[in-house]
Amino acid sequence: MEIFLHILVNNLLPLSVMIAIGIVLQRSFSLDIKTLSKLNFYLFSPAIIFNLLYKTDVSWAVIGFVLLFFFVFMLLQYGVTEIVIRLRGFQGGKRAAMRNSVLFYNSANYGIPLNQLAFAGNPQTLAIQVLIMMMQSLIPNTYGIYSVNSHRKNISFIWKTIASMPVIYVIPVAFAMRGLNVELPAFLQTPVDYLANAFLGTAIITLGVQLGSMKWQLSRPLLVDIGLSCLLRLGAGPALAALVVWGMNGLGMHISPLMASALIVSSAVPTSLSSVLLAVEFDNEPEFSSQVVFASTLLSIFSVTLVISLLHI
């Protein structure tokens, strides 16, 4: 019950208030959602990624275990999602939107507070969550851009777009500066902090603006697709993560119970705002993507509580 109430009060209710503000602003002023999307992609998201990687202490052994887990988990999640996509007969942009809604999950503003709560602020589990967040920031800015454009743009355009994403440069720079003990001057650190702090509010407002601009004409097929996405993200996600951890232990990698629990919890969070930002930025099923984020966040209050209970954290 404590986990349930904490998620409700500290994750769901604040998110709902911010979404409501975005909806009201959109209905009142018809905001330019493309501008909000670009602010997130080119300023706020790179800033928060740099800050977390630059300031979090993590060993190379942990990095290796987490990256191995992540790649195997993502391959399994991709495979399961692809089966559903083919069974449903999705075409074009809808295929990419469904994949993104499952593969991209909210490891930052949802996952990090959840990790801190579930593991009582343990620095080891926080380091694991930050690494997952790093990968969940890198993939939407590379594969995500490819997936929403591959059916309608040439490869040259896609590579140029990916190359323009600051996140792919921020990650190695943050690691290099931390590894070499390079201190960021105060006149640069302060603006980075300001931009990082602006990420969450702007991203959620963007979701609200997108929801406020929709017609909300829900058909039965759309509801089924949203339900399937939520099931794959909130149900299959942690189940597959547990399978990967079990397999790694079976191969003699000796994943500690604490690390195993942290990896499984990291996979149980709802769909990321990145899927909405990609959908809006490249005009690829923005209504479906927005509604999946909204629905999965609401349902996660029950699914995440169940996962944590089953892990006996």
C-alpha atoms as a PDB file:
ATOM      1  CA  MET A   1       0.000   0.000   0.000  1.00  0.00           C
ATOM      2  CA  GLU A   2       2.880   2.391   0.738  1.00  0.00           C
ATOM      3  CA  ILE A   3       4.301   1.910  -2.769  1.00  0.00           C
ATOM      4  CA  PHE A   4       0.821   2.332  -4.283  1.00  0.00           C
ATOM      5  CA  LEU A   5       0.198   5.626  -2.444  1.00  0.00           C
ATOM      6  CA  HIS A   6       3.697   6.914  -3.149  1.00  0.00           C
ATOM      7  CA  ILE A   7       3.340   6.344  -6.902  1.00  0.00           C
ATOM      8  CA  LEU A   8      -0.104   7.928  -6.850  1.00  0.00           C
ATOM      9  CA  VAL A   9       0.919  11.024  -4.874  1.00  0.00           C
ATOM     10  CA  ASN A  10       4.460  11.545  -6.158  1.00  0.00           C
ATOM     11  CA  ASN A  11       4.199  10.379  -9.777  1.00  0.00           C
ATOM     12  CA  LEU A  12       0.645  10.228 -11.055  1.00  0.00           C
ATOM     13  CA  LEU A  13      -0.968  13.294  -9.469  1.00  0.00           C
ATOM     14  CA  PRO A  14       1.861  15.765 -10.284  1.00  0.00           C
ATOM     15  CA  LEU A  15       1.977  14.374 -13.825  1.00  0.00           C
ATOM     16  CA  SER A  16      -1.784  14.830 -14.164  1.00  0.00           C
ATOM     17  CA  VAL A  17      -1.601  18.445 -12.988  1.00  0.00           C
ATOM     18  CA  MET A  18       1.141  19.264 -15.510  1.00  0.00           C
ATOM     19  CA  ILE A  19      -0.730  17.512 -18.322  1.00  0.00           C
ATOM     20  CA  ALA A  20      -3.868  19.478 -17.428  1.00  0.00           C
ATOM     21  CA  ILE A  21      -1.890  22.739 -17.600  1.00  0.00           C
ATOM     22  CA  GLY A  22      -0.650  21.781 -21.070  1.00  0.00           C
ATOM     23  CA  ILE A  23      -4.185  20.976 -22.231  1.00  0.00           C
ATOM     24  CA  VAL A  24      -5.517  24.311 -20.932  1.00  0.00           C
ATOM     25  CA  LEU A  25      -2.661  26.241 -22.568  1.00  0.00           C
ATOM     26  CA  GLN A  26      -3.249  24.514 -25.891  1.00  0.00           C
ATOM     27  CA  ARG A  27      -7.004  25.127 -25.810  1.00  0.00           C
ATOM     28  CA  SER A  28      -6.425  28.776 -24.859  1.00  0.00           C
ATOM     29  CA  PHE A  29      -3.506  29.779 -27.089  1.00  0.00           C
ATOM     30  CA  SER A  30      -2.960  27.023 -29.724  1.00  0.00           C
ATOM     31  CA  LEU A  31       0.730  26.600 -28.927  1.00  0.00           C
ATOM     32  CA  ASP A  32       3.307  25.546 -31.509  1.00  0.00           C
ATOM     33  CA  ILE A  33       4.015  21.971 -30.421  1.00  0.00           C
ATOM     34  CA  LYS A  34       6.904  21.640 -32.900  1.00  0.00           C
ATOM     35  CA  THR A  35       8.787  24.364 -31.039  1.00  0.00           C
ATOM     36  CA  LEU A  36       8.237  22.606 -27.716  1.00  0.00           C
ATOM     37  CA  SER A  37       9.450  19.353 -29.265  1.00  0.00           C
ATOM     38  CA  LYS A  38      12.653  20.956 -30.548  1.00  0.00           C
ATOM     39  CA  LEU A  39      13.378  22.495 -27.151  1.00  0.00           C
ATOM     40  CA  ASN A  40      13.173  19.025 -25.614  1.00  0.00           C
ATOM     41  CA  PHE A  41      15.312  17.308 -28.237  1.00  0.00           C
ATOM     42  CA  TYR A  42      18.026  19.931 -28.637  1.00  0.00           C
ATOM     43  CA  LEU A  43      18.307  21.567 -25.200  1.00  0.00           C
ATOM     44  CA  PHE A  44      16.613  20.044 -22.177  1.00  0.00           C
ATOM     45  CA  SER A  45      17.105  16.312 -22.816  1.00  0.00           C
ATOM     46  CA  PRO A  46      20.869  16.566 -23.560  1.00  0.00           C
ATOM     47  CA  ALA A  47      21.336  18.723 -20.463  1.00  0.00           C
ATOM     48  CA  ILE A  48      19.728  16.273 -18.038  1.00  0.00           C
ATOM     49  CA  ILE A  49      21.590  13.322 -19.586  1.00  0.00           C
ATOM     50  CA  PHE A  50      24.918  15.133 -19.228  1.00  0.00           C
ATOM     51  CA  ASN A  51      24.217  16.079 -15.624  1.00  0.00           C
ATOM     52  CA  LEU A  52      23.250  12.594 -14.495  1.00  0.00           C
ATOM     53  CA  LEU A  53      26.140  10.829 -16.245  1.00  0.00           C
ATOM     54  CA  TYR A  54      28.690  13.443 -15.200  1.00  0.00           C
ATOM     55  CA  LYS A  55      27.689  13.346 -11.533  1.00  0.00           C
ATOM     56  CA  THR A  56      26.946   9.620 -11.002  1.00  0.00           C
ATOM     57  CA  ASP A  57      29.731   7.321  -9.809  1.00  0.00           C
ATOM     58  CA  VAL A  58      29.570   3.900 -11.494  1.00  0.00           C
ATOM     59  CA  SER A  59      32.141   1.124 -12.052  1.00  0.00           C
ATOM     60  CA  TRP A  60      33.043  -0.377 -15.436  1.00  0.00           C
ATOM     61  CA  ALA A  61      31.926  -3.822 -14.221  1.00  0.00           C
ATOM     62  CA  VAL A  62      28.431  -2.505 -13.509  1.00  0.00           C
ATOM     63  CA  ILE A  63      28.395  -0.747 -16.878  1.00  0.00           C
ATOM     64  CA  GLY A  64      29.202  -4.043 -18.622  1.00  0.00           C
ATOM     65  CA  PHE A  65      26.489  -6.023 -16.822  1.00  0.00           C
ATOM     66  CA  VAL A  66      23.844  -3.360 -17.348  1.00  0.00           C
ATOM     67  CA  LEU A  67      24.604  -2.885 -21.048  1.00  0.00           C
ATOM     68  CA  LEU A  68      24.536  -6.641 -21.674  1.00  0.00           C
ATOM     69  CA  PHE A  69      21.196  -6.915 -19.885  1.00  0.00           C
ATOM     70  CA  PHE A  70      19.801  -3.942 -21.785  1.00  0.00           C
ATOM     71  CA  PHE A  71      20.702  -5.179 -25.259  1.00  0.00           C
ATOM     72  CA  VAL A  72      19.346  -8.697 -24.678  1.00  0.00           C
ATOM     73  CA  PHE A  73      16.197  -7.325 -23.049  1.00  0.00           C
ATOM     74  CA  MET A  74      15.570  -4.892 -25.896  1.00  0.00           C
ATOM     75  CA  LEU A  75      16.001  -7.650 -28.492  1.00  0.00           C
ATOM     76  CA  LEU A  76      13.446  -9.818 -26.711  1.00  0.00           C
ATOM     77  CA  GLN A  77      11.050  -6.897 -26.268  1.00  0.00           C
ATOM     78  CA  TYR A  78      11.456  -6.012 -29.942  1.00  0.00           C
ATOM     79  CA  GLY A  79      10.750  -9.612 -30.978  1.00  0.00           C
ATOM     80  CA  VAL A  80       7.569  -9.895 -28.914  1.00  0.00           C
ATOM     81  CA  THR A  81       6.361  -6.502 -30.165  1.00  0.00           C
ATOM     82  CA  GLU A  82       7.076  -7.468 -33.765  1.00  0.00           C
ATOM     83  CA  ILE A  83       4.886 -10.568 -33.400  1.00  0.00           C
ATOM     84  CA  VAL A  84       1.972  -8.389 -32.218  1.00  0.00           C
ATOM     85  CA  ILE A  85       2.581  -5.885 -35.033  1.00  0.00           C
ATOM     86  CA  ARG A  86       2.404  -8.624 -37.656  1.00  0.00           C
ATOM     87  CA  LEU A  87      -0.677 -10.219 -36.100  1.00  0.00           C
ATOM     88  CA  ARG A  88      -2.439  -6.844 -36.093  1.00  0.00           C
ATOM     89  CA  GLY A  89      -1.350  -6.104 -39.663  1.00  0.00           C
ATOM     90  CA  PHE A  90       0.091  -2.655 -38.929  1.00  0.00           C
ATOM     91  CA  GLN A  91       1.564  -0.739 -41.847  1.00  0.00           C
ATOM     92  CA  GLY A  92       3.807   2.299 -42.296  1.00  0.00           C
ATOM     93  CA  GLY A  93       4.032   4.731 -39.424  1.00  0.00           C
ATOM     94  CA  LYS A  94       1.766   2.699 -37.140  1.00  0.00           C
ATOM     95  CA  ARG A  95       4.385  -0.060 -36.998  1.00  0.00           C
ATOM     96  CA  ALA A  96       7.013   2.409 -35.769  1.00  0.00           C
ATOM     97  CA  ALA A  97       4.605   4.035 -33.321  1.00  0.00           C
ATOM     98  CA  MET A  98       3.753   0.678 -31.716  1.00  0.00           C
ATOM     99  CA  ARG A  99       7.426  -0.331 -31.471  1.00  0.00           C
ATOM    100  CA  ASN A 100       8.386   2.991 -29.931  1.00  0.00           C
ATOM    101  CA  SER A 101       5.537   2.852 -27.420  1.00  0.00           C
ATOM    102  CA  VAL A 102       6.891  -0.448 -26.079  1.00  0.00           C
ATOM    103  CA  LEU A 103      10.651  -0.093 -26.504  1.00  0.00           C
ATOM    104  CA  PHE A 104      10.971   3.447 -25.136  1.00  0.00           C
ATOM    105  CA  TYR A 105      10.099   3.600 -21.459  1.00  0.00           C
ATOM    106  CA  ASN A 106      10.152   6.333 -18.835  1.00  0.00           C
ATOM    107  CA  SER A 107      13.470   5.555 -17.140  1.00  0.00           C
ATOM    108  CA  ALA A 108      14.219   9.165 -16.155  1.00  0.00           C
ATOM    109  CA  ASN A 109      11.522  11.198 -14.420  1.00  0.00           C
ATOM    110  CA  TYR A 110       9.537   8.078 -13.457  1.00  0.00           C
ATOM    111  CA  GLY A 111      12.254   5.446 -13.177  1.00  0.00           C
ATOM    112  CA  ILE A 112      14.749   7.366 -11.046  1.00  0.00           C
ATOM    113  CA  PRO A 113      12.292   8.433  -8.300  1.00  0.00           C
ATOM    114  CA  LEU A 114      10.832   4.917  -8.308  1.00  0.00           C
ATOM    115  CA  ASN A 115      14.316   3.446  -7.912  1.00  0.00           C
ATOM    116  CA  GLN A 116      15.066   5.786  -5.014  1.00  0.00           C
ATOM    117  CA  LEU A 117      11.834   4.777  -3.306  1.00  0.00           C
ATOM    118  CA  ALA A 118      12.027   1.034  -3.881  1.00  0.00           C
ATOM    119  CA  PHE A 119      15.695   0.736  -2.873  1.00  0.00           C
ATOM    120  CA  ALA A 120      15.807   3.441  -0.174  1.00  0.00           C
ATOM    121  CA  GLY A 121      18.232   5.678  -2.062  1.00  0.00           C
ATOM    122  CA  ASN A 122      20.854   2.943  -2.604  1.00  0.00           C
ATOM    123  CA  PRO A 123      23.701   4.447  -4.721  1.00  0.00           C
ATOM    124  CA  GLN A 124      24.347   1.093  -6.463  1.00  0.00           C
ATOM    125  CA  THR A 125      20.813   0.777  -7.767  1.00  0.00           C
ATOM    126  CA  LEU A 126      20.764   4.468  -8.706  1.00  0.00           C
ATOM    127  CA  ALA A 127      23.861   3.943 -10.858  1.00  0.00           C
ATOM    128  CA  ILE A 128      22.087   1.062 -12.615  1.00  0.00           C
ATOM    129  CA  GLN A 129      19.027   3.215 -13.260  1.00  0.00           C
ATOM    130  CA  VAL A 130      21.129   6.080 -14.636  1.00  0.00           C
ATOM    131  CA  LEU A 131      22.793   3.702 -17.118  1.00  0.00           C
ATOM    132  CA  ILE A 132      19.388   2.417 -18.249  1.00  0.00           C
ATOM    133  CA  MET A 133      18.243   6.019 -18.586  1.00  0.00           C
ATOM    134  CA  MET A 134      21.330   6.788 -20.692  1.00  0.00           C
ATOM    135  CA  MET A 135      20.469   4.015 -23.150  1.00  0.00           C
ATOM    136  CA  GLN A 136      16.802   5.001 -23.151  1.00  0.00           C
ATOM    137  CA  SER A 137      17.895   8.498 -24.163  1.00  0.00           C
ATOM    138  CA  LEU A 138      20.327   7.327 -26.849  1.00  0.00           C
ATOM    139  CA  ILE A 139      18.061   4.859 -28.650  1.00  0.00           C
ATOM    140  CA  PRO A 140      15.118   7.238 -29.345  1.00  0.00           C
ATOM    141  CA  ASN A 141      17.618   9.718 -30.800  1.00  0.00           C
ATOM    142  CA  THR A 142      19.066   7.082 -33.148  1.00  0.00           C
ATOM    143  CA  TYR A 143      16.881   4.043 -33.828  1.00  0.00           C
ATOM    144  CA  GLY A 144      13.733   5.997 -32.906  1.00  0.00           C
ATOM    145  CA  ILE A 145      14.406   8.623 -35.556  1.00  0.00           C
ATOM    146  CA  TYR A 146      15.122   5.898 -38.095  1.00  0.00           C
ATOM    147  CA  SER A 147      11.950   3.965 -37.264  1.00  0.00           C
ATOM    148  CA  VAL A 148       9.528   6.870 -37.701  1.00  0.00           C
ATOM    149  CA  ASN A 149      11.133   8.000 -40.971  1.00  0.00           C
ATOM    150  CA  SER A 150      12.266   4.792 -42.683  1.00  0.00           C
ATOM    151  CA  HIS A 151       8.961   4.273 -44.527  1.00  0.00           C
ATOM    152  CA  ARG A 152       8.890   7.742 -46.101  1.00  0.00           C
ATOM    153  CA  LYS A 153      12.377   9.368 -46.076  1.00  0.00           C
ATOM    154  CA  ASN A 154      15.656   8.455 -47.774  1.00  0.00           C
ATOM    155  CA  ILE A 155      18.560   7.169 -45.699  1.00  0.00           C
ATOM    156  CA  SER A 156      20.596  10.327 -46.260  1.00  0.00           C
ATOM    157  CA  PHE A 157      17.942  12.479 -44.578  1.00  0.00           C
ATOM    158  CA  ILE A 158      17.684  10.027 -41.680  1.00  0.00           C
ATOM    159  CA  TRP A 159      21.451   9.966 -41.035  1.00  0.00           C
ATOM    160  CA  LYS A 160      21.656  13.750 -41.162  1.00  0.00           C
ATOM    161  CA  THR A 161      18.805  14.013 -38.675  1.00  0.00           C
ATOM    162  CA  ILE A 162      20.420  11.507 -36.313  1.00  0.00           C
ATOM    163  CA  ALA A 163      23.765  13.288 -36.590  1.00  0.00           C
ATOM    164  CA  SER A 164      22.093  16.546 -35.538  1.00  0.00           C
ATOM    165  CA  MET A 165      20.898  15.087 -32.197  1.00  0.00           C
ATOM    166  CA  PRO A 166      23.024  16.489 -29.318  1.00  0.00           C
ATOM    167  CA  VAL A 167      22.430  13.473 -27.042  1.00  0.00           C
ATOM    168  CA  ILE A 168      24.698  11.197 -29.098  1.00  0.00           C
ATOM    169  CA  TYR A 169      27.612  13.578 -28.419  1.00  0.00           C
ATOM    170  CA  VAL A 170      26.714  14.455 -24.850  1.00  0.00           C
ATOM    171  CA  ILE A 171      27.024  10.852 -23.580  1.00  0.00           C
ATOM    172  CA  PRO A 172      30.711  10.256 -24.527  1.00  0.00           C
ATOM    173  CA  VAL A 173      31.646  13.782 -23.435  1.00  0.00           C
ATOM    174  CA  ALA A 174      30.067  13.266 -20.003  1.00  0.00           C
ATOM    175  CA  PHE A 175      31.852   9.922 -19.543  1.00  0.00           C
ATOM    176  CA  ALA A 176      35.180  11.364 -20.684  1.00  0.00           C
ATOM    177  CA  MET A 177      34.961  14.383 -18.394  1.00  0.00           C
ATOM    178  CA  ARG A 178      33.998  12.241 -15.402  1.00  0.00           C
ATOM    179  CA  GLY A 179      36.699   9.670 -16.149  1.00  0.00           C
ATOM    180  CA  LEU A 180      39.399  12.326 -16.509  1.00  0.00           C
ATOM    181  CA  ASN A 181      38.119  14.301 -13.491  1.00  0.00           C
ATOM    182  CA  VAL A 182      37.561  17.396 -15.610  1.00  0.00           C
ATOM    183  CA  GLU A 183      35.539  19.933 -13.658  1.00  0.00           C
ATOM    184  CA  LEU A 184      32.964  21.903 -15.576  1.00  0.00           C
ATOM    185  CA  PRO A 185      33.407  25.654 -14.932  1.00  0.00           C
ATOM    186  CA  ALA A 186      30.665  27.258 -12.881  1.00  0.00           C
ATOM    187  CA  PHE A 187      29.651  29.586 -15.730  1.00  0.00           C
ATOM    188  CA  LEU A 188      28.831  26.446 -17.795  1.00  0.00           C
ATOM    189  CA  GLN A 189      27.559  24.174 -15.013  1.00  0.00           C
ATOM    190  CA  THR A 190      24.925  26.692 -13.925  1.00  0.00           C
ATOM    191  CA  PRO A 191      23.253  26.949 -17.378  1.00  0.00           C
ATOM    192  CA  VAL A 192      23.404  23.146 -17.738  1.00  0.00           C
ATOM    193  CA  ASP A 193      21.653  22.807 -14.378  1.00  0.00           C
ATOM    194  CA  TYR A 194      18.971  25.287 -15.436  1.00  0.00           C
ATOM    195  CA  LEU A 195      18.348  23.402 -18.698  1.00  0.00           C
ATOM    196  CA  ALA A 196      18.327  20.010 -16.975  1.00  0.00           C
ATOM    197  CA  ASN A 197      15.788  21.242 -14.427  1.00  0.00           C
ATOM    198  CA  ALA A 198      13.568  22.466 -17.279  1.00  0.00           C
ATOM    199  CA  PHE A 199      13.422  19.071 -19.009  1.00  0.00           C
ATOM    200  CA  LEU A 200      10.691  17.382 -17.008  1.00  0.00           C
ATOM    201  CA  GLY A 201       8.254  20.290 -16.908  1.00  0.00           C
ATOM    202  CA  THR A 202       8.609  21.062 -20.606  1.00  0.00           C
ATOM    203  CA  ALA A 203       8.302  17.411 -21.666  1.00  0.00           C
ATOM    204  CA  ILE A 204       5.088  16.892 -19.677  1.00  0.00           C
ATOM    205  CA  ILE A 205       3.628  20.190 -20.850  1.00  0.00           C
ATOM    206  CA  THR A 206       4.363  19.033 -24.407  1.00  0.00           C
ATOM    207  CA  LEU A 207       2.374  15.862 -23.753  1.00  0.00           C
ATOM    208  CA  GLY A 208      -0.498  17.975 -22.395  1.00  0.00           C
ATOM    209  CA  VAL A 209      -0.389  20.252 -25.439  1.00  0.00           C
ATOM    210  CA  GLN A 210      -0.538  17.223 -27.735  1.00  0.00           C
ATOM    211  CA  LEU A 211      -3.452  15.727 -25.795  1.00  0.00           C
ATOM    212  CA  GLY A 212      -5.205  19.107 -25.878  1.00  0.00           C
ATOM    213  CA  SER A 213      -4.948  19.287 -29.653  1.00  0.00           C
ATOM    214  CA  MET A 214      -6.488  15.846 -30.232  1.00  0.00           C
ATOM    215  CA  LYS A 215     -10.087  15.138 -31.164  1.00  0.00           C
ATOM    216  CA  TRP A 216     -10.358  12.193 -28.716  1.00  0.00           C
ATOM    217  CA  GLN A 217     -12.424  10.072 -31.073  1.00  0.00           C
ATOM    218  CA  LEU A 218     -11.585   6.650 -29.655  1.00  0.00           C
ATOM    219  CA  SER A 219     -12.503   3.717 -31.871  1.00  0.00           C
ATOM    220  CA  ARG A 220     -12.519   0.095 -30.778  1.00  0.00           C
ATOM    221  CA  PRO A 221      -9.427  -0.803 -32.880  1.00  0.00           C
ATOM    222  CA  LEU A 222      -7.520   2.146 -31.372  1.00  0.00           C
ATOM    223  CA  LEU A 223      -8.463   1.092 -27.837  1.00  0.00           C
ATOM    224  CA  VAL A 224      -7.286  -2.455 -28.592  1.00  0.00           C
ATOM    225  CA  ASP A 225      -3.963  -1.139 -29.900  1.00  0.00           C
ATOM    226  CA  ILE A 226      -3.484   1.066 -26.835  1.00  0.00           C
ATOM    227  CA  GLY A 227      -4.310  -1.891 -24.579  1.00  0.00           C
ATOM    228  CA  LEU A 228      -1.836  -4.141 -26.401  1.00  0.00           C
ATOM    229  CA  SER A 229       0.897  -1.532 -26.087  1.00  0.00           C
ATOM    230  CA  CYS A 230       0.272  -1.158 -22.344  1.00  0.00           C
ATOM    231  CA  LEU A 231       0.258  -4.944 -21.891  1.00  0.00           C
ATOM    232  CA  LEU A 232       3.567  -5.295 -23.727  1.00  0.00           C
ATOM    233  CA  ARG A 233       5.169  -2.417 -21.832  1.00  0.00           C
ATOM    234  CA  LEU A 234       3.859  -2.988 -18.305  1.00  0.00           C
ATOM    235  CA  GLY A 235       3.341  -6.749 -18.346  1.00  0.00           C
ATOM    236  CA  ALA A 236       5.749  -8.324 -20.833  1.00  0.00           C
ATOM    237  CA  GLY A 237       8.465  -5.787 -19.994  1.00  0.00           C
ATOM    238  CA  PRO A 238       9.242  -6.883 -16.415  1.00  0.00           C
ATOM    239  CA  ALA A 239       8.563 -10.554 -17.291  1.00  0.00           C
ATOM    240  CA  LEU A 240      11.178 -10.479 -20.055  1.00  0.00           C
ATOM    241  CA  ALA A 241      13.584  -8.590 -17.795  1.00  0.00           C
ATOM    242  CA  ALA A 242      13.264 -11.343 -15.180  1.00  0.00           C
ATOM    243  CA  LEU A 243      13.931 -13.920 -17.912  1.00  0.00           C
ATOM    244  CA  VAL A 244      17.109 -12.104 -19.001  1.00  0.00           C
ATOM    245  CA  VAL A 245      18.387 -11.860 -15.423  1.00  0.00           C
ATOM    246  CA  TRP A 246      17.656 -15.568 -14.912  1.00  0.00           C
ATOM    247  CA  GLY A 247      19.545 -16.383 -18.127  1.00  0.00           C
ATOM    248  CA  MET A 248      22.561 -14.280 -17.144  1.00  0.00           C
ATOM    249  CA  ASN A 249      22.729 -16.039 -13.802  1.00  0.00           C
ATOM    250  CA  GLY A 250      22.391 -19.384 -15.583  1.00  0.00           C
ATOM    251  CA  LEU A 251      25.436 -18.525 -17.680  1.00  0.00           C
ATOM    252  CA  GLY A 252      27.464 -17.988 -14.520  1.00  0.00           C
ATOM    253  CA  MET A 253      27.479 -14.187 -14.424  1.00  0.00           C
ATOM    254  CA  HIS A 254      26.305 -14.153 -10.799  1.00  0.00           C
ATOM    255  CA  ILE A 255      24.011 -11.134 -10.872  1.00  0.00           C
ATOM    256  CA  SER A 256      23.408 -10.101  -7.248  1.00  0.00           C
ATOM    257  CA  PRO A 257      19.798 -10.118  -6.002  1.00  0.00           C
ATOM    258  CA  LEU A 258      19.986  -6.328  -5.546  1.00  0.00           C
ATOM    259  CA  MET A 259      21.153  -5.726  -9.121  1.00  0.00           C
ATOM    260  CA  ALA A 260      18.611  -8.214 -10.462  1.00  0.00           C
ATOM    261  CA  SER A 261      15.762  -6.443  -8.681  1.00  0.00           C
ATOM    262  CA  ALA A 262      16.969  -3.027  -9.877  1.00  0.00           C
ATOM    263  CA  LEU A 263      17.097  -4.216 -13.493  1.00  0.00           C
ATOM    264  CA  ILE A 264      13.604  -5.725 -13.341  1.00  0.00           C
ATOM    265  CA  VAL A 265      12.098  -2.630 -11.687  1.00  0.00           C
ATOM    266  CA  SER A 266      13.785  -0.437 -14.320  1.00  0.00           C
ATOM    267  CA  SER A 267      11.889  -2.334 -17.035  1.00  0.00           C
ATOM    268  CA  ALA A 268       8.458  -2.020 -15.389  1.00  0.00           C
ATOM    269  CA  VAL A 269       7.871   1.708 -15.918  1.00  0.00           C
ATOM    270  CA  PRO A 270       5.359   3.187 -18.409  1.00  0.00           C
ATOM    271  CA  THR A 271       5.937   4.423 -21.956  1.00  0.00           C
ATOM    272  CA  SER A 272       8.372   7.301 -22.304  1.00  0.00           C
ATOM    273  CA  LEU A 273       7.544  10.828 -23.374  1.00  0.00           C
ATOM    274  CA  SER A 274      10.218  10.278 -26.047  1.00  0.00           C
ATOM    275  CA  SER A 275       7.676   8.341 -28.099  1.00  0.00           C
ATOM    276  CA  VAL A 276       5.369  11.372 -28.087  1.00  0.00           C
ATOM    277  CA  LEU A 277       8.193  13.798 -28.888  1.00  0.00           C
ATOM    278  CA  LEU A 278       9.256  11.638 -31.838  1.00  0.00           C
ATOM    279  CA  ALA A 279       5.663  11.306 -33.029  1.00  0.00           C
ATOM    280  CA  VAL A 280       5.134  15.072 -32.851  1.00  0.00           C
ATOM    281  CA  GLU A 281       8.506  16.081 -34.283  1.00  0.00           C
ATOM    282  CA  PHE A 282       8.163  13.792 -37.303  1.00  0.00           C
ATOM    283  CA  ASP A 283       4.338  13.736 -37.552  1.00  0.00           C
ATOM    284  CA  ASN A 284       4.035   9.978 -36.998  1.00  0.00           C
ATOM    285  CA  GLU A 285       0.839   8.830 -35.225  1.00  0.00           C
ATOM    286  CA  PRO A 286       0.938  11.548 -32.526  1.00  0.00           C
ATOM    287  CA  GLU A 287      -2.570  10.773 -31.240  1.00  0.00           C
ATOM    288  CA  PHE A 288      -1.867   7.076 -30.693  1.00  0.00           C
ATOM    289  CA  SER A 289       1.500   7.827 -29.065  1.00  0.00           C
ATOM    290  CA  SER A 290       0.075  10.448 -26.715  1.00  0.00           C
ATOM    291  CA  GLN A 291      -2.788   8.240 -25.596  1.00  0.00           C
ATOM    292  CA  VAL A 292      -0.454   5.301 -24.937  1.00  0.00           C
ATOM    293  CA  VAL A 293       1.754   7.451 -22.688  1.00  0.00           C
ATOM    294  CA  PHE A 294      -1.309   8.679 -20.828  1.00  0.00           C
ATOM    295  CA  ALA A 295      -2.887   5.215 -20.443  1.00  0.00           C
ATOM    296  CA  SER A 296       0.321   3.379 -19.512  1.00  0.00           C
ATOM    297  CA  THR A 297       1.159   5.991 -16.875  1.00  0.00           C
ATOM    298  CA  LEU A 298      -2.282   5.567 -15.289  1.00  0.00           C
ATOM    299  CA  LEU A 299      -2.100   1.775 -15.346  1.00  0.00           C
ATOM    300  CA  SER A 300       1.460   1.709 -14.047  1.00  0.00           C
ATOM    301  CA  ILE A 301       0.319   2.619 -10.556  1.00  0.00           C
ATOM    302  CA  PHE A 302      -1.077  -0.925 -10.291  1.00  0.00           C
ATOM    303  CA  SER A 303       1.451  -2.830 -12.408  1.00  0.00           C
ATOM    304  CA  VAL A 304       4.565  -1.306 -10.814  1.00  0.00           C
ATOM    305  CA  THR A 305       3.189  -1.917  -7.332  1.00  0.00           C
ATOM    306  CA  LEU A 306       2.613  -5.561  -8.270  1.00  0.00           C
ATOM    307  CA  VAL A 307       6.142  -5.979  -9.652  1.00  0.00           C
ATOM    308  CA  ILE A 308       7.738  -4.518  -6.519  1.00  0.00           C
ATOM    309  CA  SER A 309       5.545  -6.722  -4.328  1.00  0.00           C
ATOM    310  CA  LEU A 310       6.541  -9.849  -6.250  1.00  0.00           C
ATOM    311  CA  LEU A 311      10.224  -8.972  -5.868  1.00  0.00           C
ATOM    312  CA  HIS A 312       9.811  -8.629  -2.070  1.00  0.00           C
ATOM    313  CA  ILE A 313      11.901  -5.445  -2.030  1.00  0.00           C
END
